[in-house]
Amino acid sequence: MAEYSSLLSDLSENITNEDLEQLKSACKEDIPEDQSNNITSSKEWFSYLEKNDKLAQDNLSYIEHIFEISRRPDLLTRVIEYRTKVLKISEDDEIDTKLTRIPSAKKYKGSTLCLKN
């Protein structure tokens, strides 16, 4: 669980207020507008997703999808690294569970990205 908390903390540090608005917009079908307006930080966004079964330490596919459509490969890469190293679910595992991520994210495999520190 410590690794999961560390992942969320790391992601939060790399999400600006502008990014948050973009991420919330990408979730507009899953977060009612009145509730979305009450989310003012990335930690609140993650908390909302957890409470609504969109995010858990072993269920990252939703945020992987959101980071991809929001064009945030840096954040997506961090989630993929967590899933691969901590959950031991690799790019090539073909497990048909909620743990498998979206196929289109494979294009980021092996990419060398400059990640924000």
N, C-alpha and C. Protein backbone atom coordinates (compact mmCIF):
# COMPACT_ATOMS: atom_id res chain seq x y z
N MET A 1 0.82 -1.20 0.00
CA MET A 1 0.00 0.00 0.00
C MET A 1 0.86 1.26 0.00
N ALA A 2 2.05 1.16 0.60
CA ALA A 2 2.94 2.33 0.65
C ALA A 2 3.36 2.75 -0.76
N GLU A 3 3.59 1.78 -1.63
CA GLU A 3 3.98 2.10 -3.00
C GLU A 3 2.85 2.82 -3.73
N TYR A 4 1.62 2.39 -3.48
CA TYR A 4 0.45 3.01 -4.11
C TYR A 4 0.30 4.45 -3.64
N SER A 5 0.42 4.67 -2.34
CA SER A 5 0.34 6.03 -1.80
C SER A 5 1.45 6.90 -2.37
N SER A 6 2.62 6.33 -2.51
CA SER A 6 3.75 7.05 -3.08
C SER A 6 3.49 7.41 -4.54
N LEU A 7 2.88 6.49 -5.27
CA LEU A 7 2.52 6.75 -6.68
C LEU A 7 1.56 7.93 -6.76
N LEU A 8 0.49 7.90 -5.97
CA LEU A 8 -0.49 8.98 -6.02
C LEU A 8 0.13 10.31 -5.61
N SER A 9 1.00 10.28 -4.64
CA SER A 9 1.67 11.50 -4.20
C SER A 9 2.56 12.05 -5.33
N ASP A 10 3.29 11.16 -5.97
CA ASP A 10 4.16 11.56 -7.09
C ASP A 10 3.33 12.13 -8.24
N LEU A 11 2.24 11.48 -8.57
CA LEU A 11 1.37 11.98 -9.64
C LEU A 11 0.82 13.35 -9.27
N SER A 12 0.37 13.49 -8.02
CA SER A 12 -0.21 14.76 -7.56
C SER A 12 0.77 15.91 -7.69
N GLU A 13 2.02 15.64 -7.38
CA GLU A 13 3.05 16.68 -7.47
C GLU A 13 3.27 17.16 -8.91
N ASN A 14 2.86 16.33 -9.86
CA ASN A 14 3.09 16.66 -11.27
C ASN A 14 1.83 17.05 -12.02
N ILE A 15 0.77 17.33 -11.27
CA ILE A 15 -0.49 17.77 -11.86
C ILE A 15 -0.76 19.19 -11.42
N THR A 16 -0.71 20.12 -12.36
CA THR A 16 -0.99 21.52 -12.05
C THR A 16 -2.51 21.72 -11.99
N ASN A 17 -2.94 22.91 -11.58
CA ASN A 17 -4.37 23.22 -11.57
C ASN A 17 -4.95 23.16 -12.98
N GLU A 18 -4.18 23.61 -13.95
CA GLU A 18 -4.62 23.53 -15.35
C GLU A 18 -4.76 22.08 -15.79
N ASP A 19 -3.79 21.26 -15.41
CA ASP A 19 -3.87 19.82 -15.72
C ASP A 19 -5.11 19.21 -15.10
N LEU A 20 -5.38 19.58 -13.84
CA LEU A 20 -6.52 19.03 -13.12
C LEU A 20 -7.82 19.33 -13.87
N GLU A 21 -7.96 20.53 -14.36
CA GLU A 21 -9.16 20.89 -15.11
C GLU A 21 -9.29 20.03 -16.36
N GLN A 22 -8.17 19.78 -17.02
CA GLN A 22 -8.18 18.93 -18.22
C GLN A 22 -8.54 17.48 -17.86
N LEU A 23 -7.99 16.98 -16.76
CA LEU A 23 -8.29 15.61 -16.33
C LEU A 23 -9.76 15.48 -15.94
N LYS A 24 -10.28 16.48 -15.22
CA LYS A 24 -11.70 16.44 -14.84
C LYS A 24 -12.58 16.49 -16.08
N SER A 25 -12.18 17.27 -17.06
CA SER A 25 -12.95 17.35 -18.31
C SER A 25 -12.97 15.99 -19.00
N ALA A 26 -11.85 15.28 -18.95
CA ALA A 26 -11.78 13.96 -19.58
C ALA A 26 -12.66 12.94 -18.85
N CYS A 27 -13.03 13.26 -17.61
CA CYS A 27 -13.86 12.37 -16.79
C CYS A 27 -15.31 12.83 -16.72
N LYS A 28 -15.69 13.80 -17.53
CA LYS A 28 -17.01 14.42 -17.35
C LYS A 28 -18.17 13.45 -17.45
N GLU A 29 -17.98 12.32 -18.12
CA GLU A 29 -19.06 11.33 -18.19
C GLU A 29 -19.18 10.53 -16.90
N ASP A 30 -18.12 10.55 -16.09
CA ASP A 30 -18.09 9.76 -14.85
C ASP A 30 -18.19 10.59 -13.59
N ILE A 31 -17.98 11.89 -13.70
CA ILE A 31 -18.07 12.77 -12.54
C ILE A 31 -19.11 13.86 -12.83
N PRO A 32 -20.22 13.84 -12.10
CA PRO A 32 -21.24 14.88 -12.33
C PRO A 32 -20.65 16.27 -12.14
N GLU A 33 -21.15 17.23 -12.91
CA GLU A 33 -20.58 18.57 -12.92
C GLU A 33 -20.54 19.21 -11.53
N ASP A 34 -21.61 19.05 -10.75
CA ASP A 34 -21.62 19.66 -9.42
C ASP A 34 -20.53 19.08 -8.53
N GLN A 35 -20.28 17.79 -8.66
CA GLN A 35 -19.21 17.17 -7.87
C GLN A 35 -17.84 17.54 -8.43
N SER A 36 -17.73 17.63 -9.75
CA SER A 36 -16.47 18.01 -10.38
C SER A 36 -16.04 19.41 -9.93
N ASN A 37 -17.01 20.31 -9.80
CA ASN A 37 -16.71 21.67 -9.37
C ASN A 37 -16.15 21.72 -7.94
N ASN A 38 -16.48 20.72 -7.14
CA ASN A 38 -16.00 20.66 -5.75
C ASN A 38 -14.61 20.06 -5.64
N ILE A 39 -14.11 19.47 -6.71
CA ILE A 39 -12.77 18.88 -6.70
C ILE A 39 -11.77 19.97 -7.07
N THR A 40 -10.94 20.35 -6.10
CA THR A 40 -10.02 21.47 -6.33
C THR A 40 -8.54 21.07 -6.27
N SER A 41 -8.27 19.80 -6.07
CA SER A 41 -6.87 19.34 -6.04
C SER A 41 -6.80 17.94 -6.64
N SER A 42 -5.61 17.58 -7.07
CA SER A 42 -5.45 16.24 -7.64
C SER A 42 -5.68 15.17 -6.58
N LYS A 43 -5.36 15.44 -5.33
CA LYS A 43 -5.61 14.47 -4.27
C LYS A 43 -7.12 14.24 -4.10
N GLU A 44 -7.90 15.31 -4.20
CA GLU A 44 -9.36 15.17 -4.12
C GLU A 44 -9.88 14.39 -5.32
N TRP A 45 -9.26 14.61 -6.50
CA TRP A 45 -9.66 13.89 -7.71
C TRP A 45 -9.40 12.40 -7.54
N PHE A 46 -8.20 12.05 -7.06
CA PHE A 46 -7.88 10.64 -6.83
C PHE A 46 -8.83 10.04 -5.80
N SER A 47 -9.12 10.79 -4.74
CA SER A 47 -10.03 10.31 -3.69
C SER A 47 -11.42 10.03 -4.26
N TYR A 48 -11.91 10.95 -5.09
CA TYR A 48 -13.21 10.76 -5.72
C TYR A 48 -13.21 9.49 -6.56
N LEU A 49 -12.18 9.31 -7.36
CA LEU A 49 -12.09 8.12 -8.22
C LEU A 49 -12.07 6.84 -7.39
N GLU A 50 -11.35 6.86 -6.27
CA GLU A 50 -11.31 5.68 -5.39
C GLU A 50 -12.69 5.39 -4.80
N LYS A 51 -13.36 6.42 -4.32
CA LYS A 51 -14.68 6.23 -3.71
C LYS A 51 -15.71 5.71 -4.71
N ASN A 52 -15.47 5.99 -5.98
CA ASN A 52 -16.42 5.57 -7.01
C ASN A 52 -15.91 4.40 -7.84
N ASP A 53 -15.00 3.63 -7.25
CA ASP A 53 -14.48 2.39 -7.85
C ASP A 53 -13.85 2.57 -9.22
N LYS A 54 -13.25 3.73 -9.45
CA LYS A 54 -12.54 3.97 -10.71
C LYS A 54 -11.03 3.83 -10.52
N LEU A 55 -10.60 3.75 -9.27
CA LEU A 55 -9.18 3.70 -8.97
C LEU A 55 -8.95 2.91 -7.69
N ALA A 56 -7.97 2.03 -7.74
CA ALA A 56 -7.53 1.27 -6.56
C ALA A 56 -6.09 0.85 -6.82
N GLN A 57 -5.44 0.37 -5.78
CA GLN A 57 -4.03 0.02 -5.95
C GLN A 57 -3.84 -1.09 -6.97
N ASP A 58 -4.87 -1.88 -7.22
CA ASP A 58 -4.77 -2.94 -8.23
C ASP A 58 -5.70 -2.69 -9.41
N ASN A 59 -6.17 -1.47 -9.54
CA ASN A 59 -7.06 -1.11 -10.65
C ASN A 59 -6.68 0.29 -11.13
N LEU A 60 -5.78 0.33 -12.11
CA LEU A 60 -5.23 1.59 -12.59
C LEU A 60 -5.64 1.91 -14.02
N SER A 61 -6.40 1.03 -14.63
CA SER A 61 -6.70 1.20 -16.06
C SER A 61 -7.45 2.50 -16.36
N TYR A 62 -8.32 2.94 -15.45
CA TYR A 62 -9.08 4.16 -15.70
C TYR A 62 -8.16 5.37 -15.79
N ILE A 63 -7.25 5.53 -14.81
CA ILE A 63 -6.37 6.70 -14.88
C ILE A 63 -5.36 6.57 -16.02
N GLU A 64 -4.98 5.34 -16.36
CA GLU A 64 -4.10 5.17 -17.52
C GLU A 64 -4.79 5.72 -18.76
N HIS A 65 -6.06 5.38 -18.90
CA HIS A 65 -6.84 5.85 -20.05
C HIS A 65 -6.96 7.38 -20.02
N ILE A 66 -7.29 7.94 -18.86
CA ILE A 66 -7.45 9.39 -18.73
C ILE A 66 -6.14 10.11 -19.04
N PHE A 67 -5.02 9.58 -18.52
CA PHE A 67 -3.73 10.22 -18.80
C PHE A 67 -3.38 10.14 -20.28
N GLU A 68 -3.77 9.06 -20.92
CA GLU A 68 -3.48 8.94 -22.35
C GLU A 68 -4.31 9.92 -23.16
N ILE A 69 -5.61 9.98 -22.93
CA ILE A 69 -6.43 10.88 -23.74
C ILE A 69 -6.18 12.35 -23.40
N SER A 70 -5.61 12.59 -22.22
CA SER A 70 -5.25 13.96 -21.83
C SER A 70 -3.85 14.32 -22.30
N ARG A 71 -3.25 13.44 -23.03
CA ARG A 71 -1.90 13.64 -23.57
C ARG A 71 -0.88 13.93 -22.47
N ARG A 72 -0.87 13.04 -21.48
CA ARG A 72 0.11 13.14 -20.40
C ARG A 72 0.91 11.84 -20.32
N PRO A 73 1.74 11.58 -21.34
CA PRO A 73 2.52 10.33 -21.33
C PRO A 73 3.48 10.24 -20.15
N ASP A 74 3.88 11.38 -19.59
CA ASP A 74 4.76 11.35 -18.41
C ASP A 74 4.05 10.71 -17.23
N LEU A 75 2.79 11.06 -17.01
CA LEU A 75 2.02 10.47 -15.91
C LEU A 75 1.67 9.02 -16.22
N LEU A 76 1.31 8.76 -17.46
CA LEU A 76 0.99 7.40 -17.87
C LEU A 76 2.18 6.48 -17.65
N THR A 77 3.37 6.95 -17.99
CA THR A 77 4.58 6.15 -17.83
C THR A 77 4.81 5.81 -16.36
N ARG A 78 4.55 6.75 -15.47
CA ARG A 78 4.72 6.49 -14.04
C ARG A 78 3.76 5.39 -13.56
N VAL A 79 2.53 5.43 -14.05
CA VAL A 79 1.55 4.41 -13.66
C VAL A 79 1.96 3.05 -14.23
N ILE A 80 2.42 3.03 -15.46
CA ILE A 80 2.86 1.78 -16.08
C ILE A 80 4.04 1.19 -15.31
N GLU A 81 4.98 2.03 -14.91
CA GLU A 81 6.12 1.56 -14.14
C GLU A 81 5.68 0.95 -12.81
N TYR A 82 4.72 1.60 -12.15
CA TYR A 82 4.19 1.07 -10.89
C TYR A 82 3.54 -0.30 -11.13
N ARG A 83 2.71 -0.37 -12.16
CA ARG A 83 2.01 -1.62 -12.45
C ARG A 83 3.00 -2.74 -12.77
N THR A 84 4.04 -2.41 -13.51
CA THR A 84 5.01 -3.41 -13.92
C THR A 84 5.89 -3.85 -12.75
N LYS A 85 6.38 -2.89 -11.98
CA LYS A 85 7.32 -3.21 -10.90
C LYS A 85 6.65 -3.68 -9.63
N VAL A 86 5.56 -3.02 -9.24
CA VAL A 86 4.92 -3.34 -7.96
C VAL A 86 3.89 -4.45 -8.11
N LEU A 87 3.03 -4.33 -9.11
CA LEU A 87 1.98 -5.34 -9.30
C LEU A 87 2.46 -6.52 -10.13
N LYS A 88 3.63 -6.38 -10.74
CA LYS A 88 4.23 -7.43 -11.57
C LYS A 88 3.36 -7.80 -12.76
N ILE A 89 2.67 -6.82 -13.30
CA ILE A 89 1.86 -7.04 -14.50
C ILE A 89 2.55 -6.30 -15.62
N SER A 90 3.10 -7.05 -16.54
CA SER A 90 3.91 -6.43 -17.58
C SER A 90 3.08 -6.08 -18.80
N GLU A 91 3.74 -5.38 -19.68
CA GLU A 91 3.19 -4.95 -20.94
C GLU A 91 2.62 -6.12 -21.75
N ASP A 92 3.30 -7.25 -21.67
CA ASP A 92 2.95 -8.39 -22.52
C ASP A 92 2.01 -9.39 -21.87
N ASP A 93 1.72 -9.19 -20.59
CA ASP A 93 0.78 -10.10 -19.94
C ASP A 93 -0.60 -9.94 -20.56
N GLU A 94 -1.18 -11.04 -20.91
CA GLU A 94 -2.51 -10.97 -21.54
C GLU A 94 -3.54 -11.53 -20.57
N ILE A 95 -3.64 -10.90 -19.45
CA ILE A 95 -4.58 -11.30 -18.42
C ILE A 95 -5.85 -10.50 -18.64
N ASP A 96 -6.96 -11.17 -18.77
CA ASP A 96 -8.22 -10.47 -19.02
C ASP A 96 -8.89 -10.13 -17.69
N THR A 97 -8.31 -9.14 -17.02
CA THR A 97 -8.86 -8.69 -15.74
C THR A 97 -8.86 -7.18 -15.73
N LYS A 98 -9.35 -6.61 -14.64
CA LYS A 98 -9.34 -5.16 -14.53
C LYS A 98 -7.93 -4.61 -14.43
N LEU A 99 -6.94 -5.47 -14.25
CA LEU A 99 -5.57 -5.02 -14.12
C LEU A 99 -4.93 -4.70 -15.47
N THR A 100 -5.45 -5.27 -16.52
CA THR A 100 -4.83 -5.01 -17.81
C THR A 100 -5.21 -3.63 -18.27
N ARG A 101 -4.28 -3.00 -18.94
CA ARG A 101 -4.53 -1.63 -19.33
C ARG A 101 -4.88 -1.54 -20.80
N ILE A 102 -5.11 -0.35 -21.23
CA ILE A 102 -5.56 -0.14 -22.60
C ILE A 102 -4.45 -0.45 -23.59
N PRO A 103 -4.77 -1.14 -24.68
CA PRO A 103 -3.76 -1.54 -25.65
C PRO A 103 -3.04 -0.36 -26.30
N SER A 104 -3.72 0.75 -26.49
CA SER A 104 -3.11 1.87 -27.19
C SER A 104 -1.97 2.49 -26.40
N ALA A 105 -1.89 2.22 -25.11
CA ALA A 105 -0.79 2.77 -24.31
C ALA A 105 0.52 2.06 -24.59
N LYS A 106 0.47 0.94 -25.32
CA LYS A 106 1.70 0.21 -25.63
C LYS A 106 2.69 1.07 -26.40
N LYS A 107 2.21 2.08 -27.10
CA LYS A 107 3.11 2.92 -27.87
C LYS A 107 4.11 3.65 -26.99
N TYR A 108 3.84 3.74 -25.68
CA TYR A 108 4.76 4.41 -24.78
C TYR A 108 5.83 3.48 -24.23
N LYS A 109 5.70 2.19 -24.51
CA LYS A 109 6.65 1.22 -24.00
C LYS A 109 8.04 1.54 -24.54
N GLY A 110 8.98 1.60 -23.64
CA GLY A 110 10.36 1.81 -24.03
C GLY A 110 10.68 3.22 -24.46
N SER A 111 9.72 4.12 -24.40
CA SER A 111 10.00 5.49 -24.80
C SER A 111 10.83 6.17 -23.72
N THR A 112 11.72 7.00 -24.13
CA THR A 112 12.52 7.74 -23.17
C THR A 112 11.96 9.14 -23.07
N LEU A 113 11.26 9.36 -21.99
CA LEU A 113 10.61 10.64 -21.77
C LEU A 113 11.35 11.41 -20.70
N CYS A 114 11.35 12.69 -20.82
CA CYS A 114 11.89 13.55 -19.77
C CYS A 114 10.78 13.77 -18.76
N LEU A 115 10.93 13.20 -17.61
CA LEU A 115 9.90 13.33 -16.59
C LEU A 115 10.21 14.51 -15.71
N LYS A 116 9.16 15.20 -15.30
CA LYS A 116 9.32 16.34 -14.40
C LYS A 116 9.78 15.82 -13.05
N ASN A 117 10.61 16.58 -12.41
CA ASN A 117 11.05 16.21 -11.05
C ASN A 117 10.42 17.12 -10.04
